[in-house]
Amino acid sequence: MTGPATPETYRAIAEPDGDWWVVTVPDLPGVHTQGRNREQARNTARDAIATMLGTDAERVTITMDFRGSERSGDSG
């Protein structure tokens, strides 16, 4: 795959919606994903960014901004 030669850091914003965390990436319009917990939201965000950039997920670094109320049983 191609993509950035060096890893870049992207900010992802996750907000609760029912049983899911809905994730957007402000610096990459159109990148949206979701996860049932924080770990899954983080992983799917990394995968979505990598797909948009045409690179491997291992080359993508993200910072997650989890907004909204804490959900019971949600860790990570």
C-alpha atoms as a PDB file:
ATOM      1  CA  MET A   1       0.000   0.000   0.000  1.00  0.00           C
ATOM      2  CA  THR A   2       0.990   3.594  -0.407  1.00  0.00           C
ATOM      3  CA  GLY A   3       0.417   6.535   1.901  1.00  0.00           C
ATOM      4  CA  PRO A   4       2.398   8.782   4.165  1.00  0.00           C
ATOM      5  CA  ALA A   5       6.079   7.869   4.457  1.00  0.00           C
ATOM      6  CA  THR A   6       5.977   8.619   8.161  1.00  0.00           C
ATOM      7  CA  PRO A   7       3.133   8.045  10.572  1.00  0.00           C
ATOM      8  CA  GLU A   8       0.797  10.966  11.087  1.00  0.00           C
ATOM      9  CA  THR A   9      -1.431  11.610  14.048  1.00  0.00           C
ATOM     10  CA  TYR A  10      -5.137  12.203  13.522  1.00  0.00           C
ATOM     11  CA  ARG A  11      -7.740  13.243  16.074  1.00  0.00           C
ATOM     12  CA  ALA A  12     -10.909  11.184  16.238  1.00  0.00           C
ATOM     13  CA  ILE A  13     -14.014  12.226  18.164  1.00  0.00           C
ATOM     14  CA  ALA A  14     -16.266   9.532  19.647  1.00  0.00           C
ATOM     15  CA  GLU A  15     -19.719  10.254  21.028  1.00  0.00           C
ATOM     16  CA  PRO A  16     -22.148   7.774  22.558  1.00  0.00           C
ATOM     17  CA  ASP A  17     -25.255   6.853  20.587  1.00  0.00           C
ATOM     18  CA  GLY A  18     -27.263   4.120  22.259  1.00  0.00           C
ATOM     19  CA  ASP A  19     -25.053   1.045  22.570  1.00  0.00           C
ATOM     20  CA  TRP A  20     -22.424   2.445  20.205  1.00  0.00           C
ATOM     21  CA  TRP A  21     -19.631   5.011  20.078  1.00  0.00           C
ATOM     22  CA  VAL A  22     -19.981   6.996  16.824  1.00  0.00           C
ATOM     23  CA  VAL A  23     -16.620   8.255  15.564  1.00  0.00           C
ATOM     24  CA  THR A  24     -15.738  11.124  13.218  1.00  0.00           C
ATOM     25  CA  VAL A  25     -12.346  12.376  12.084  1.00  0.00           C
ATOM     26  CA  PRO A  26     -12.455  16.175  11.640  1.00  0.00           C
ATOM     27  CA  ASP A  27      -9.296  16.354   9.491  1.00  0.00           C
ATOM     28  CA  LEU A  28     -10.609  13.785   7.010  1.00  0.00           C
ATOM     29  CA  PRO A  29     -14.133  14.673   5.851  1.00  0.00           C
ATOM     30  CA  GLY A  30     -16.234  11.606   5.199  1.00  0.00           C
ATOM     31  CA  VAL A  31     -14.418   9.359   7.653  1.00  0.00           C
ATOM     32  CA  HIS A  32     -17.017   7.975  10.044  1.00  0.00           C
ATOM     33  CA  THR A  33     -17.138   4.694  11.910  1.00  0.00           C
ATOM     34  CA  GLN A  34     -18.441   3.174  15.127  1.00  0.00           C
ATOM     35  CA  GLY A  35     -17.636   0.702  17.858  1.00  0.00           C
ATOM     36  CA  ARG A  36     -19.508  -1.020  20.667  1.00  0.00           C
ATOM     37  CA  ASN A  37     -16.844  -0.009  23.213  1.00  0.00           C
ATOM     38  CA  ARG A  38     -13.921   2.395  23.428  1.00  0.00           C
ATOM     39  CA  GLU A  39     -11.344  -0.126  22.244  1.00  0.00           C
ATOM     40  CA  GLN A  40     -13.410  -1.110  19.223  1.00  0.00           C
ATOM     41  CA  ALA A  41     -14.109   2.557  18.418  1.00  0.00           C
ATOM     42  CA  ARG A  42     -10.358   3.283  18.529  1.00  0.00           C
ATOM     43  CA  ASN A  43      -9.525   0.291  16.310  1.00  0.00           C
ATOM     44  CA  THR A  44     -12.224   0.999  13.730  1.00  0.00           C
ATOM     45  CA  ALA A  45     -11.175   4.668  13.618  1.00  0.00           C
ATOM     46  CA  ARG A  46      -7.586   3.672  12.870  1.00  0.00           C
ATOM     47  CA  ASP A  47      -8.760   1.256  10.161  1.00  0.00           C
ATOM     48  CA  ALA A  48     -11.074   3.859   8.588  1.00  0.00           C
ATOM     49  CA  ILE A  49      -8.297   6.470   8.483  1.00  0.00           C
ATOM     50  CA  ALA A  50      -5.859   3.970   6.977  1.00  0.00           C
ATOM     51  CA  THR A  51      -8.401   3.002   4.323  1.00  0.00           C
ATOM     52  CA  MET A  52      -9.004   6.648   3.408  1.00  0.00           C
ATOM     53  CA  LEU A  53      -5.244   7.291   3.179  1.00  0.00           C
ATOM     54  CA  GLY A  54      -4.476   4.056   1.344  1.00  0.00           C
ATOM     55  CA  THR A  55      -1.955   2.914   3.934  1.00  0.00           C
ATOM     56  CA  ASP A  56      -1.571   0.235   6.597  1.00  0.00           C
ATOM     57  CA  ALA A  57      -3.360   0.796   9.911  1.00  0.00           C
ATOM     58  CA  GLU A  58      -0.038   0.329  11.716  1.00  0.00           C
ATOM     59  CA  ARG A  59       1.174   3.570  10.113  1.00  0.00           C
ATOM     60  CA  VAL A  60      -1.710   5.589  11.580  1.00  0.00           C
ATOM     61  CA  THR A  61      -1.573   7.156  15.022  1.00  0.00           C
ATOM     62  CA  ILE A  62      -4.751   8.547  16.533  1.00  0.00           C
ATOM     63  CA  THR A  63      -5.749  10.514  19.571  1.00  0.00           C
ATOM     64  CA  MET A  64      -9.266   9.738  20.727  1.00  0.00           C
ATOM     65  CA  ASP A  65     -11.564  12.341  22.215  1.00  0.00           C
ATOM     66  CA  PHE A  66     -14.375  10.452  23.958  1.00  0.00           C
ATOM     67  CA  ARG A  67     -17.232  12.878  24.575  1.00  0.00           C
ATOM     68  CA  GLY A  68     -20.509  12.521  26.359  1.00  0.00           C
ATOM     69  CA  SER A  69     -21.444  10.456  29.354  1.00  0.00           C
ATOM     70  CA  GLU A  70     -19.607   7.354  30.477  1.00  0.00           C
ATOM     71  CA  ARG A  71     -21.493   4.188  29.716  1.00  0.00           C
ATOM     72  CA  SER A  72     -21.678   1.391  32.209  1.00  0.00           C
ATOM     73  CA  GLY A  73     -19.472  -1.579  31.417  1.00  0.00           C
ATOM     74  CA  ASP A  74     -17.385   0.415  28.965  1.00  0.00           C
ATOM     75  CA  SER A  75     -13.651   0.387  29.475  1.00  0.00           C
ATOM     76  CA  GLY A  76     -10.559   1.267  27.513  1.00  0.00           C
END
